[in-house]
Structure formats: C-alpha cells, structure tokens
Amino acid sequence: MVITFKGKEVELKYTFNSFRYMEEFDINDLGELDRKPFKLIGVVEHLLTGALNYSPNSIYKQVDILAYIEEEMEKEDGDIAGLLTGLVELLEKSNFFKNLQKSDKKPKKK
C-alpha cells in the first residue's frame, strides 16, 4: 500500500519495528467503530504509525501523522474509511498475524 505523505509517495508495511510502535493498540477498538465512530481517528493513528515506521532507518513523528490524518479527513475527496480498510488488510497480511493464525491451529497437547 502506498500513500502520499508530505508530498512523497511512501510505502506502508508492517514489520517487527512497526509493532514496537503499536504496543498500546487495542484490536478490540476495531469492533467498536460502528458504535463509537470517533474512535476511527485513534485507530487510524495507531495503524498508520506502525505502518509508516516499519524501518528503524526512517522515523515518522506523531505530529506529522496526525496532520496527515486531519488533512485526509478535511479533503473533499478524502477517504479515511478507505485508509482504515487498507491498513487493516495490510495488517492481516503481515507475518505477525500469519504467525498468530498458525499458533491458533496447532493441536493442543494432552
């Protein structure tokens, strides 16, 4: 997934480094968005912070990430819900989630 961030096209990924930035992310917040739509901003902030900061060689500041989200929300053709969908799909395809799914499928020892 690629976004235009501060005038540059930037690829988004989820890696080990991403998840270091996402320790406080509560996956249950995704399920609450239909009842608490304003959580969308925080959820996108967490997911985007991780996806942008996938490499230890380039660090994106929180203030810039929030400015990007605000800009997306204020644009007439902005699609913050589409951004969320893309980030969630990217997260689901990450090795972290693939490994979690493998561990759930292992037979339990007796």
Protein backbone atom coordinates (compact mmCIF):
# COMPACT_ATOMS: atom_id res chain seq x y z
CA MET A 1 0.00 0.00 0.00
CA VAL A 2 1.32 3.42 -0.93
CA ILE A 3 0.18 6.85 0.31
CA THR A 4 1.32 10.37 -0.47
CA PHE A 5 2.79 11.68 2.78
CA LYS A 6 4.24 15.19 2.90
CA GLY A 7 4.40 15.30 -0.90
CA LYS A 8 6.23 11.96 -1.28
CA GLU A 9 4.90 8.54 -2.12
CA VAL A 10 5.57 6.29 0.85
CA GLU A 11 5.08 2.55 1.05
CA LEU A 12 3.31 1.20 4.11
CA LYS A 13 4.31 -2.12 5.68
CA TYR A 14 4.09 -3.93 8.95
CA THR A 15 7.31 -5.39 10.32
CA PHE A 16 8.83 -6.15 13.70
CA ASN A 17 9.72 -2.47 14.01
CA SER A 18 6.10 -1.48 13.27
CA PHE A 19 4.76 -3.49 16.16
CA ARG A 20 7.13 -1.81 18.59
CA TYR A 21 5.17 1.37 17.84
CA MET A 22 1.82 -0.36 18.30
CA GLU A 23 2.12 -1.82 21.80
CA GLU A 24 -0.81 0.23 23.11
CA PHE A 25 -3.11 -0.56 20.18
CA ASP A 26 -6.28 -2.35 21.28
CA ILE A 27 -7.54 -4.55 18.45
CA ASN A 28 -10.99 -4.52 20.09
CA ASP A 29 -11.34 -0.86 19.07
CA LEU A 30 -11.92 -2.05 15.50
CA GLY A 31 -15.09 -3.81 16.59
CA GLU A 32 -16.39 -0.72 18.36
CA LEU A 33 -16.21 1.63 15.37
CA ASP A 34 -19.83 1.03 14.40
CA ARG A 35 -20.96 2.26 17.84
CA LYS A 36 -18.15 4.73 18.52
CA PRO A 37 -17.24 6.25 15.15
CA PHE A 38 -14.91 8.88 16.62
CA LYS A 39 -12.51 6.12 17.65
CA LEU A 40 -11.68 5.96 13.95
CA ILE A 41 -9.10 8.72 14.36
CA GLY A 42 -7.21 6.91 17.13
CA VAL A 43 -7.38 3.56 15.36
CA VAL A 44 -6.06 5.01 12.11
CA GLU A 45 -3.37 6.87 14.07
CA HIS A 46 -2.10 3.65 15.68
CA LEU A 47 -2.22 1.64 12.47
CA LEU A 48 -0.61 4.37 10.38
CA THR A 49 2.13 4.97 12.95
CA GLY A 50 3.10 1.32 12.78
CA ALA A 51 2.85 1.08 9.00
CA LEU A 52 4.96 4.20 8.41
CA ASN A 53 7.59 3.29 10.99
CA TYR A 54 8.32 -0.18 9.61
CA SER A 55 12.01 0.61 9.22
CA PRO A 56 14.30 1.79 12.02
CA ASN A 57 16.06 3.93 9.41
CA SER A 58 13.16 6.34 8.90
CA ILE A 59 11.03 7.63 11.75
CA TYR A 60 7.75 9.45 11.23
CA LYS A 61 6.72 11.82 14.01
CA GLN A 62 3.31 11.64 15.65
CA VAL A 63 2.61 15.30 14.91
CA ASP A 64 3.12 14.67 11.17
CA ILE A 65 0.96 11.54 11.24
CA LEU A 66 -1.88 13.39 12.94
CA ALA A 67 -1.55 16.26 10.45
CA TYR A 68 -1.84 13.71 7.61
CA ILE A 69 -4.98 12.18 9.13
CA GLU A 70 -6.53 15.61 9.68
CA GLU A 71 -5.74 16.60 6.11
CA GLU A 72 -7.32 13.38 4.79
CA MET A 73 -10.45 13.99 6.84
CA GLU A 74 -10.77 17.60 5.71
CA LYS A 75 -10.32 16.90 1.99
CA GLU A 76 -13.49 16.84 -0.03
CA ASP A 77 -12.38 13.60 -1.67
CA GLY A 78 -10.61 12.25 1.44
CA ASP A 79 -11.28 8.64 2.29
CA ILE A 80 -10.33 7.96 5.90
CA ALA A 81 -12.54 4.84 5.98
CA GLY A 82 -10.75 3.54 2.87
CA LEU A 83 -7.41 4.23 4.55
CA LEU A 84 -8.55 2.23 7.58
CA THR A 85 -9.67 -0.67 5.38
CA GLY A 86 -6.34 -0.71 3.55
CA LEU A 87 -4.37 -0.62 6.81
CA VAL A 88 -6.39 -3.45 8.34
CA GLU A 89 -5.92 -5.59 5.21
CA LEU A 90 -2.19 -4.87 5.31
CA LEU A 91 -2.07 -5.80 8.98
CA GLU A 92 -3.92 -9.07 8.35
CA LYS A 93 -1.35 -9.99 5.69
CA SER A 94 1.61 -9.26 7.97
CA ASN A 95 3.83 -12.06 9.17
CA PHE A 96 2.86 -11.26 12.75
CA PHE A 97 -0.79 -12.14 12.12
CA LYS A 98 0.09 -15.09 9.90
CA ASN A 99 2.19 -16.50 12.74
CA LEU A 100 -0.63 -15.92 15.23
CA GLN A 101 -3.01 -17.85 12.99
CA LYS A 102 -0.52 -20.74 12.80
CA SER A 103 -0.24 -20.90 16.57
CA ASP A 104 -4.05 -21.00 16.89
CA LYS A 105 -4.21 -24.03 14.58
CA LYS A 106 -1.66 -26.15 16.45
CA PRO A 107 -3.21 -29.16 18.17
CA LYS A 108 -3.37 -28.90 21.93
CA LYS A 109 -1.23 -31.34 23.88
CA LYS A 110 -2.95 -33.54 26.40
